[in-house]
C-alpha atoms as a PDB file:
ATOM      1  CA  MET A   1    -114.669-101.027 142.676  1.00  0.00           C
ATOM      2  CA  THR A   2    -114.706-103.549 146.002  1.00  0.00           C
ATOM      3  CA  ASP A   3    -115.000-102.179 149.468  1.00  0.00           C
ATOM      4  CA  GLU A   4    -112.053-104.543 151.446  1.00  0.00           C
ATOM      5  CA  LEU A   5    -111.144-103.918 155.083  1.00  0.00           C
ATOM      6  CA  ASP A   6    -107.715-103.008 155.581  1.00  0.00           C
ATOM      7  CA  ARG A   7    -106.760-105.728 157.894  1.00  0.00           C
ATOM      8  CA  PRO A   8    -107.008-109.352 157.426  1.00  0.00           C
ATOM      9  CA  ASP A   9    -108.540-110.097 160.998  1.00  0.00           C
ATOM     10  CA  ALA A  10    -111.101-107.253 160.588  1.00  0.00           C
ATOM     11  CA  ALA A  11    -113.319-109.952 158.296  1.00  0.00           C
ATOM     12  CA  GLY A  12    -114.855-111.177 161.456  1.00  0.00           C
ATOM     13  CA  ASP A  13    -117.099-109.945 163.954  1.00  0.00           C
ATOM     14  CA  GLY A  14    -115.618-106.754 164.141  1.00  0.00           C
ATOM     15  CA  ASP A  15    -115.322-107.154 168.154  1.00  0.00           C
ATOM     16  CA  SER A  16    -111.957-104.876 168.313  1.00  0.00           C
ATOM     17  CA  ASP A  17    -113.243-102.307 166.163  1.00  0.00           C
ATOM     18  CA  ALA A  18    -116.697-102.166 167.480  1.00  0.00           C
ATOM     19  CA  GLU A  19    -115.360-100.977 170.975  1.00  0.00           C
ATOM     20  CA  SER A  20    -113.375 -98.297 169.846  1.00  0.00           C
ATOM     21  CA  GLY A  21    -116.228 -96.933 167.444  1.00  0.00           C
ATOM     22  CA  SER A  22    -114.054 -96.735 164.368  1.00  0.00           C
ATOM     23  CA  SER A  23    -114.060 -98.964 161.011  1.00  0.00           C
ATOM     24  CA  SER A  24    -110.946 -99.168 158.770  1.00  0.00           C
ATOM     25  CA  ARG A  25    -112.250 -99.790 155.193  1.00  0.00           C
ATOM     26  CA  THR A  26    -110.339 -99.077 152.031  1.00  0.00           C
ATOM     27  CA  ALA A  27    -111.518 -98.514 148.773  1.00  0.00           C
ATOM     28  CA  VAL A  28    -109.950-100.615 146.184  1.00  0.00           C
ATOM     29  CA  VAL A  29    -110.242 -99.952 142.561  1.00  0.00           C
ATOM     30  CA  SER A  30    -109.424-102.639 139.795  1.00  0.00           C
ATOM     31  CA  ARG A  31    -108.569-102.260 136.202  1.00  0.00           C
ATOM     32  CA  GLN A  32    -107.826-104.522 133.396  1.00  0.00           C
ATOM     33  CA  VAL A  33    -104.547-105.586 132.384  1.00  0.00           C
ATOM     34  CA  GLY A  34    -104.088-104.205 129.440  1.00  0.00           C
ATOM     35  CA  GLU A  35    -105.210-100.166 130.472  1.00  0.00           C
ATOM     36  CA  PRO A  36    -102.686 -97.741 130.712  1.00  0.00           C
ATOM     37  CA  LEU A  37    -102.474 -96.159 133.966  1.00  0.00           C
ATOM     38  CA  ARG A  38    -102.940 -92.669 132.614  1.00  0.00           C
ATOM     39  CA  PRO A  39    -103.454 -91.600 128.913  1.00  0.00           C
ATOM     40  CA  THR A  40    -100.726 -91.263 126.859  1.00  0.00           C
ATOM     41  CA  GLY A  41    -101.552 -88.560 124.702  1.00  0.00           C
ATOM     42  CA  LYS A  42    -101.729 -90.590 121.515  1.00  0.00           C
ATOM     43  CA  ARG A  43    -104.660 -91.490 119.404  1.00  0.00           C
ATOM     44  CA  SER A  44    -105.898 -94.808 119.813  1.00  0.00           C
ATOM     45  CA  ARG A  45    -108.789 -97.189 118.627  1.00  0.00           C
ATOM     46  CA  ARG A  46    -110.870 -99.384 120.737  1.00  0.00           C
ATOM     47  CA  ARG A  47    -112.452-102.443 119.614  1.00  0.00           C
ATOM     48  CA  ALA A  48    -115.039-104.703 121.684  1.00  0.00           C
ATOM     49  CA  THR A  49    -113.742-108.645 122.016  1.00  0.00           C
ATOM     50  CA  GLY A  50    -116.142-111.458 122.874  1.00  0.00           C
ATOM     51  CA  ASP A  51    -116.095-111.075 126.425  1.00  0.00           C
ATOM     52  CA  GLY A  52    -117.137-107.674 126.267  1.00  0.00           C
ATOM     53  CA  ALA A  53    -113.511-106.185 127.476  1.00  0.00           C
ATOM     54  CA  GLU A  54    -112.347-103.453 125.692  1.00  0.00           C
ATOM     55  CA  ASP A  55    -108.611-103.951 124.226  1.00  0.00           C
ATOM     56  CA  VAL A  56    -106.360-100.909 123.137  1.00  0.00           C
ATOM     57  CA  GLU A  57    -104.858-101.654 119.598  1.00  0.00           C
ATOM     58  CA  SER A  58    -102.655 -99.016 118.372  1.00  0.00           C
ATOM     59  CA  THR A  59     -99.857 -99.938 115.849  1.00  0.00           C
ATOM     60  CA  ALA A  60     -97.138 -98.047 114.392  1.00  0.00           C
ATOM     61  CA  THR A  61     -98.579 -98.838 110.855  1.00  0.00           C
ATOM     62  CA  GLU A  62    -101.861 -97.272 112.404  1.00  0.00           C
ATOM     63  CA  LEU A  63    -100.288 -94.201 113.915  1.00  0.00           C
ATOM     64  CA  ASP A  64     -98.268 -93.226 110.576  1.00  0.00           C
ATOM     65  CA  ALA A  65    -101.404 -93.779 108.561  1.00  0.00           C
ATOM     66  CA  GLU A  66    -103.206 -91.147 110.471  1.00  0.00           C
ATOM     67  CA  ASP A  67     -99.992 -88.891 110.560  1.00  0.00           C
ATOM     68  CA  ALA A  68     -99.625 -89.326 106.694  1.00  0.00           C
ATOM     69  CA  ALA A  69    -103.637 -88.468 106.484  1.00  0.00           C
ATOM     70  CA  ASP A  70    -103.357 -85.495 108.504  1.00  0.00           C
ATOM     71  CA  ALA A  71    -100.178 -84.311 106.738  1.00  0.00           C
ATOM     72  CA  LYS A  72    -102.289 -84.277 103.468  1.00  0.00           C
ATOM     73  CA  LYS A  73    -105.097 -82.282 104.653  1.00  0.00           C
ATOM     74  CA  ALA A  74    -102.414 -79.683 105.938  1.00  0.00           C
ATOM     75  CA  LYS A  75    -100.967 -79.373 102.365  1.00  0.00           C
ATOM     76  CA  LYS A  76    -104.282 -78.601 101.007  1.00  0.00           C
ATOM     77  CA  LYS A  77    -105.168 -76.358 103.484  1.00  0.00           C
ATOM     78  CA  ALA A  78    -102.149 -74.527 103.045  1.00  0.00           C
ATOM     79  CA  LYS A  79    -102.355 -74.574  98.878  1.00  0.00           C
ATOM     80  CA  LYS A  80    -105.886 -73.143  99.383  1.00  0.00           C
ATOM     81  CA  LYS A  81    -104.589 -70.184 101.799  1.00  0.00           C
ATOM     82  CA  ALA A  82    -101.917 -69.375  99.601  1.00  0.00           C
ATOM     83  CA  GLU A  83    -104.188 -68.351  96.936  1.00  0.00           C
ATOM     84  CA  GLY A  84    -105.909 -66.192  98.767  1.00  0.00           C
ATOM     85  CA  PRO A  85    -109.516 -63.957  98.569  1.00  0.00           C
ATOM     86  CA  SER A  86    -110.666 -63.726  95.467  1.00  0.00           C
ATOM     87  CA  ARG A  87    -110.065 -60.496  93.572  1.00  0.00           C
ATOM     88  CA  ASN A  88    -113.251 -59.886  91.862  1.00  0.00           C
ATOM     89  CA  PRO A  89    -114.608 -56.462  93.425  1.00  0.00           C
ATOM     90  CA  PHE A  90    -118.159 -57.676  93.293  1.00  0.00           C
ATOM     91  CA  VAL A  91    -117.475 -61.100  95.421  1.00  0.00           C
ATOM     92  CA  PHE A  92    -115.823 -59.228  97.948  1.00  0.00           C
ATOM     93  CA  VAL A  93    -118.746 -56.811  98.396  1.00  0.00           C
ATOM     94  CA  LEU A  94    -121.608 -59.136  98.510  1.00  0.00           C
ATOM     95  CA  ASN A  95    -119.060 -61.161 100.810  1.00  0.00           C
ATOM     96  CA  PHE A  96    -118.990 -58.228 103.034  1.00  0.00           C
ATOM     97  CA  LEU A  97    -122.684 -57.653 102.917  1.00  0.00           C
ATOM     98  CA  LYS A  98    -123.652 -61.024 103.992  1.00  0.00           C
ATOM     99  CA  GLN A  99    -121.419 -60.628 106.864  1.00  0.00           C
ATOM    100  CA  VAL A 100    -122.589 -56.965 107.709  1.00  0.00           C
ATOM    101  CA  VAL A 101    -126.396 -58.918 107.651  1.00  0.00           C
ATOM    102  CA  GLY A 102    -124.908 -61.871 109.913  1.00  0.00           C
ATOM    103  CA  GLU A 103    -123.458 -59.615 112.499  1.00  0.00           C
ATOM    104  CA  LEU A 104    -126.831 -57.593 112.241  1.00  0.00           C
ATOM    105  CA  ARG A 105    -128.868 -60.627 113.296  1.00  0.00           C
ATOM    106  CA  LYS A 106    -126.716 -61.203 116.250  1.00  0.00           C
ATOM    107  CA  VAL A 107    -127.781 -57.591 117.537  1.00  0.00           C
ATOM    108  CA  ILE A 108    -130.296 -57.251 120.398  1.00  0.00           C
ATOM    109  CA  TRP A 109    -132.082 -54.621 119.545  1.00  0.00           C
ATOM    110  CA  PRO A 110    -134.204 -52.176 122.106  1.00  0.00           C
ATOM    111  CA  ASN A 111    -138.061 -52.295 122.781  1.00  0.00           C
ATOM    112  CA  ARG A 112    -140.128 -49.128 122.122  1.00  0.00           C
ATOM    113  CA  LYS A 113    -139.688 -48.068 125.945  1.00  0.00           C
ATOM    114  CA  GLN A 114    -136.099 -48.665 125.913  1.00  0.00           C
ATOM    115  CA  MET A 115    -135.587 -46.740 123.129  1.00  0.00           C
ATOM    116  CA  VAL A 116    -137.889 -43.653 124.735  1.00  0.00           C
ATOM    117  CA  THR A 117    -135.416 -43.934 127.976  1.00  0.00           C
ATOM    118  CA  TYR A 118    -132.365 -44.020 126.097  1.00  0.00           C
ATOM    119  CA  THR A 119    -133.235 -40.922 124.107  1.00  0.00           C
ATOM    120  CA  ALA A 120    -134.426 -39.096 127.347  1.00  0.00           C
ATOM    121  CA  VAL A 121    -131.121 -39.590 129.018  1.00  0.00           C
ATOM    122  CA  VAL A 122    -129.058 -38.509 126.140  1.00  0.00           C
ATOM    123  CA  LEU A 123    -130.619 -35.309 125.113  1.00  0.00           C
ATOM    124  CA  ALA A 124    -130.974 -34.564 129.228  1.00  0.00           C
ATOM    125  CA  PHE A 125    -127.253 -35.379 129.482  1.00  0.00           C
ATOM    126  CA  LEU A 126    -126.625 -32.926 125.862  1.00  0.00           C
ATOM    127  CA  VAL A 127    -128.807 -30.055 127.523  1.00  0.00           C
ATOM    128  CA  PHE A 128    -126.561 -30.309 130.759  1.00  0.00           C
ATOM    129  CA  MET A 129    -123.009 -30.128 128.410  1.00  0.00           C
ATOM    130  CA  VAL A 130    -124.524 -26.959 127.022  1.00  0.00           C
ATOM    131  CA  ALA A 131    -125.114 -25.405 129.918  1.00  0.00           C
ATOM    132  CA  LEU A 132    -122.176 -26.217 131.171  1.00  0.00           C
ATOM    133  CA  VAL A 133    -120.169 -25.055 128.165  1.00  0.00           C
ATOM    134  CA  ALA A 134    -122.600 -21.657 127.895  1.00  0.00           C
ATOM    135  CA  GLY A 135    -122.188 -20.807 131.414  1.00  0.00           C
ATOM    136  CA  ALA A 136    -118.255 -21.236 131.459  1.00  0.00           C
ATOM    137  CA  ASP A 137    -117.928 -19.319 128.049  1.00  0.00           C
ATOM    138  CA  TYR A 138    -120.276 -16.695 129.712  1.00  0.00           C
ATOM    139  CA  GLY A 139    -117.982 -16.303 132.825  1.00  0.00           C
ATOM    140  CA  PHE A 140    -114.768 -16.604 130.870  1.00  0.00           C
ATOM    141  CA  ALA A 141    -115.844 -13.705 128.952  1.00  0.00           C
ATOM    142  CA  ARG A 142    -116.788 -11.340 132.463  1.00  0.00           C
ATOM    143  CA  LEU A 143    -113.489 -12.383 133.720  1.00  0.00           C
ATOM    144  CA  VAL A 144    -111.662 -11.036 130.502  1.00  0.00           C
ATOM    145  CA  LEU A 145    -113.831  -7.870 130.429  1.00  0.00           C
ATOM    146  CA  LEU A 146    -113.349  -7.314 134.392  1.00  0.00           C
ATOM    147  CA  VAL A 147    -109.505  -7.806 133.760  1.00  0.00           C
ATOM    148  CA  PHE A 148    -108.686  -6.001 130.759  1.00  0.00           C
ATOM    149  CA  GLY A 149    -112.041  -3.383 131.187  1.00  0.00           C
ATOM    150  CA  GLU A 150    -113.845  -1.668 128.190  1.00  0.00           C
END
């Protein structure tokens, strides 16, 4: 990347721009002759030449060979997928237990202080809800006795 002045006559001692206090510089980006302007989306192979510049080599035969290899891999995956999981129940249970252990290792377990706090909150909420339901039951029982009498 080089800095070049916009005007060819501004390369002098800068007498006209110095008075106005403005400078007009533009960054010019140079690129190699063989480089594409933007990515094409196709796979390409790069190799270094003797002068250090990189050439992009992407021939139709290489792309066809890569596509054939990809198609072969996809065919193998489809065949393996068609077979499905093992029908052996012992393998199924063993695999399930391995997955359970793997998930339990991901869990962040609470320490003793957190556990005591969570237990206290749950018990307090439980006492509150029991009192609320008992109060509502007592209130409805008194209301029924008042309406229908004894």
